[in-house]
């Protein structure tokens, strides 16, 4: 996934900053991308690259990596998931 920081700056008035949190949901039918900055939530789904492959977990090992053009030492990355079971 790629976040267009130019679009993000146009939307919020500033680029990524210290303390910003981006939350992305890849749940089928409930996908979203939100920026939390100074207690204000921004819908940034339009800042995600249009040709994105949304993350999906598979059985077994899943390996993800992340990178940034700058400020790499200030990044934290985590994935949370809920195991869902189908029933009758």
C-alpha atoms as a PDB file:
ATOM      1  CA  UNK A   1       0.000   0.000   0.000  1.00  0.00           C
ATOM      2  CA  UNK A   2       1.201   3.500  -0.719  1.00  0.00           C
ATOM      3  CA  UNK A   3      -0.003   6.726   0.883  1.00  0.00           C
ATOM      4  CA  UNK A   4       0.200   9.813  -1.323  1.00  0.00           C
ATOM      5  CA  UNK A   5       1.674  12.387   1.066  1.00  0.00           C
ATOM      6  CA  UNK A   6       1.011  15.277  -1.339  1.00  0.00           C
ATOM      7  CA  UNK A   7      -2.701  14.435  -1.307  1.00  0.00           C
ATOM      8  CA  UNK A   8      -2.551  13.988   2.467  1.00  0.00           C
ATOM      9  CA  UNK A   9      -1.079  17.472   2.844  1.00  0.00           C
ATOM     10  CA  UNK A  10      -3.770  18.946   0.578  1.00  0.00           C
ATOM     11  CA  UNK A  11      -6.485  17.259   2.668  1.00  0.00           C
ATOM     12  CA  UNK A  12      -5.167  18.055   6.147  1.00  0.00           C
ATOM     13  CA  UNK A  13      -3.054  21.151   5.575  1.00  0.00           C
ATOM     14  CA  UNK A  14       0.165  19.413   6.650  1.00  0.00           C
ATOM     15  CA  UNK A  15       2.257  16.352   5.834  1.00  0.00           C
ATOM     16  CA  UNK A  16       2.840  13.483   8.241  1.00  0.00           C
ATOM     17  CA  UNK A  17       3.961  14.678  11.620  1.00  0.00           C
ATOM     18  CA  UNK A  18       5.128  13.434  14.983  1.00  0.00           C
ATOM     19  CA  UNK A  19       2.276  11.714  16.817  1.00  0.00           C
ATOM     20  CA  UNK A  20       0.125  11.091  13.720  1.00  0.00           C
ATOM     21  CA  UNK A  21      -1.565   7.691  13.610  1.00  0.00           C
ATOM     22  CA  UNK A  22      -2.843   6.034  10.447  1.00  0.00           C
ATOM     23  CA  UNK A  23      -5.364   3.209  10.855  1.00  0.00           C
ATOM     24  CA  UNK A  24      -6.225   0.998   7.899  1.00  0.00           C
ATOM     25  CA  UNK A  25      -8.911  -1.680   7.885  1.00  0.00           C
ATOM     26  CA  UNK A  26      -8.875  -4.357   5.198  1.00  0.00           C
ATOM     27  CA  UNK A  27     -12.039  -6.129   6.378  1.00  0.00           C
ATOM     28  CA  UNK A  28     -14.146  -7.005   3.353  1.00  0.00           C
ATOM     29  CA  UNK A  29     -17.046  -4.547   3.120  1.00  0.00           C
ATOM     30  CA  UNK A  30     -15.579  -2.310   5.874  1.00  0.00           C
ATOM     31  CA  UNK A  31     -12.332  -1.010   4.368  1.00  0.00           C
ATOM     32  CA  UNK A  32     -11.120   2.385   5.528  1.00  0.00           C
ATOM     33  CA  UNK A  33      -8.046   4.548   5.983  1.00  0.00           C
ATOM     34  CA  UNK A  34      -8.095   7.136   8.774  1.00  0.00           C
ATOM     35  CA  UNK A  35      -5.545   9.610  10.076  1.00  0.00           C
ATOM     36  CA  UNK A  36      -5.700  10.631  13.747  1.00  0.00           C
ATOM     37  CA  UNK A  37      -3.946  13.940  14.365  1.00  0.00           C
ATOM     38  CA  UNK A  38      -4.249  15.992  17.563  1.00  0.00           C
ATOM     39  CA  UNK A  39      -7.573  14.359  18.441  1.00  0.00           C
ATOM     40  CA  UNK A  40      -9.093  14.934  14.980  1.00  0.00           C
ATOM     41  CA  UNK A  41      -9.911  12.050  12.627  1.00  0.00           C
ATOM     42  CA  UNK A  42      -9.482  12.477   8.854  1.00  0.00           C
ATOM     43  CA  UNK A  43     -10.803  10.103   6.213  1.00  0.00           C
ATOM     44  CA  UNK A  44      -7.717   9.521   4.039  1.00  0.00           C
ATOM     45  CA  UNK A  45      -8.988   6.688   1.853  1.00  0.00           C
ATOM     46  CA  UNK A  46      -8.452   8.931  -1.186  1.00  0.00           C
ATOM     47  CA  UNK A  47      -4.779   9.262  -0.219  1.00  0.00           C
ATOM     48  CA  UNK A  48      -4.237   5.526  -0.743  1.00  0.00           C
ATOM     49  CA  UNK A  49      -2.835   4.593  -4.158  1.00  0.00           C
ATOM     50  CA  UNK A  50      -5.710   3.557  -6.457  1.00  0.00           C
ATOM     51  CA  UNK A  51      -3.870   0.437  -7.648  1.00  0.00           C
ATOM     52  CA  UNK A  52      -3.445  -0.826  -4.095  1.00  0.00           C
ATOM     53  CA  UNK A  53      -3.471  -4.468  -3.101  1.00  0.00           C
ATOM     54  CA  UNK A  54      -5.195  -4.456   0.287  1.00  0.00           C
ATOM     55  CA  UNK A  55      -3.456  -6.606   2.919  1.00  0.00           C
ATOM     56  CA  UNK A  56      -4.999 -10.015   3.470  1.00  0.00           C
ATOM     57  CA  UNK A  57      -3.738 -12.624   5.915  1.00  0.00           C
ATOM     58  CA  UNK A  58      -3.390 -16.222   4.831  1.00  0.00           C
ATOM     59  CA  UNK A  59      -3.001 -19.390   6.873  1.00  0.00           C
ATOM     60  CA  UNK A  60       0.596 -19.881   7.922  1.00  0.00           C
ATOM     61  CA  UNK A  61       3.357 -17.286   8.021  1.00  0.00           C
ATOM     62  CA  UNK A  62       2.581 -13.805   6.722  1.00  0.00           C
ATOM     63  CA  UNK A  63       5.483 -11.439   6.156  1.00  0.00           C
ATOM     64  CA  UNK A  64       4.958  -7.689   5.820  1.00  0.00           C
ATOM     65  CA  UNK A  65       7.500  -4.895   5.527  1.00  0.00           C
ATOM     66  CA  UNK A  66       7.228  -1.124   5.493  1.00  0.00           C
ATOM     67  CA  UNK A  67       9.321   1.777   4.282  1.00  0.00           C
ATOM     68  CA  UNK A  68       9.259   5.556   4.113  1.00  0.00           C
ATOM     69  CA  UNK A  69      10.985   8.173   2.012  1.00  0.00           C
ATOM     70  CA  UNK A  70      11.968  10.047   5.193  1.00  0.00           C
ATOM     71  CA  UNK A  71      11.408   9.939   8.950  1.00  0.00           C
ATOM     72  CA  UNK A  72      11.834   6.153   9.021  1.00  0.00           C
ATOM     73  CA  UNK A  73      13.145   6.162  12.596  1.00  0.00           C
ATOM     74  CA  UNK A  74       9.861   7.711  13.803  1.00  0.00           C
ATOM     75  CA  UNK A  75       7.626   4.955  12.404  1.00  0.00           C
ATOM     76  CA  UNK A  76       5.861   2.174  14.243  1.00  0.00           C
ATOM     77  CA  UNK A  77       3.980  -0.567  12.416  1.00  0.00           C
ATOM     78  CA  UNK A  78       1.568  -3.094  13.878  1.00  0.00           C
ATOM     79  CA  UNK A  79      -1.056  -5.487  12.573  1.00  0.00           C
ATOM     80  CA  UNK A  80      -4.074  -6.547  14.589  1.00  0.00           C
ATOM     81  CA  UNK A  81      -6.434  -9.267  13.509  1.00  0.00           C
ATOM     82  CA  UNK A  82      -9.418 -11.164  14.782  1.00  0.00           C
ATOM     83  CA  UNK A  83      -9.801 -14.839  13.993  1.00  0.00           C
ATOM     84  CA  UNK A  84     -13.264 -15.370  12.547  1.00  0.00           C
ATOM     85  CA  UNK A  85     -14.966 -18.725  12.193  1.00  0.00           C
ATOM     86  CA  UNK A  86     -17.777 -19.717   9.845  1.00  0.00           C
ATOM     87  CA  UNK A  87     -20.675 -21.550  11.399  1.00  0.00           C
ATOM     88  CA  UNK A  88     -23.932 -23.125  10.471  1.00  0.00           C
END
